[in-house]
Amino acid sequence: MLRQLALILLALLITVAAHAAEEQRFSVPLGSSPVYGGKDAPITIVEFIDYQ
């Protein structure tokens, strides 16, 4: 019983996380930033680094 409840809660958390990730999309202008890969890639990963 406890295992079934844990699996149900895990499935619920995964579903909620998937929906939250779908709702947060941002357009980031790359301008003249250095890029690797094609401009028509389905995913863009942007890394922000603070050297201080």
Protein backbone atom coordinates (compact mmCIF):
# COMPACT_ATOMS: atom_id res chain seq x y z
CA MET A 1 0.00 0.00 0.00
CA LEU A 2 2.76 2.45 0.95
CA ARG A 3 4.70 1.59 -2.20
CA GLN A 4 1.65 2.20 -4.38
CA LEU A 5 1.09 5.59 -2.73
CA ALA A 6 4.74 6.50 -3.27
CA LEU A 7 4.50 5.57 -6.97
CA ILE A 8 1.33 7.61 -7.38
CA LEU A 9 2.97 10.63 -5.74
CA LEU A 10 6.06 10.23 -7.92
CA ALA A 11 3.93 10.10 -11.05
CA LEU A 12 2.06 13.19 -9.92
CA LEU A 13 5.29 15.08 -9.26
CA ILE A 14 6.69 14.13 -12.67
CA THR A 15 3.47 15.28 -14.36
CA VAL A 16 3.45 18.61 -12.52
CA ALA A 17 7.15 19.18 -13.29
CA ALA A 18 6.60 18.43 -16.97
CA HIS A 19 3.75 20.94 -17.19
CA ALA A 20 5.74 23.60 -15.33
CA ALA A 21 8.67 23.14 -17.71
CA GLU A 22 6.36 23.51 -20.72
CA GLU A 23 5.01 26.81 -19.44
CA GLN A 24 8.39 28.51 -18.99
CA ARG A 25 9.80 29.34 -22.39
CA PHE A 26 11.93 32.36 -23.08
CA SER A 27 13.32 33.97 -26.21
CA VAL A 28 16.93 34.93 -25.65
CA PRO A 29 18.47 37.16 -28.33
CA LEU A 30 21.91 35.75 -29.13
CA GLY A 31 23.09 38.69 -31.21
CA SER A 32 26.79 38.26 -31.98
CA SER A 33 27.36 35.80 -29.11
CA PRO A 34 29.53 32.77 -29.90
CA VAL A 35 27.40 29.76 -30.75
CA TYR A 36 28.02 26.10 -31.51
CA GLY A 37 25.63 24.20 -33.73
CA GLY A 38 22.90 25.05 -36.17
CA LYS A 39 20.65 28.08 -35.87
CA ASP A 40 17.59 25.88 -36.46
CA ALA A 41 18.29 23.60 -33.47
CA PRO A 42 15.14 22.76 -31.46
CA ILE A 43 16.87 23.60 -28.16
CA THR A 44 19.18 26.45 -27.21
CA ILE A 45 21.21 26.20 -24.03
CA VAL A 46 22.37 29.53 -22.64
CA GLU A 47 25.05 29.58 -19.94
CA PHE A 48 25.48 32.64 -17.75
CA ILE A 49 28.83 32.92 -15.98
CA ASP A 50 29.86 35.45 -13.34
CA TYR A 51 33.63 35.67 -12.90
CA GLN A 52 33.49 37.69 -9.70
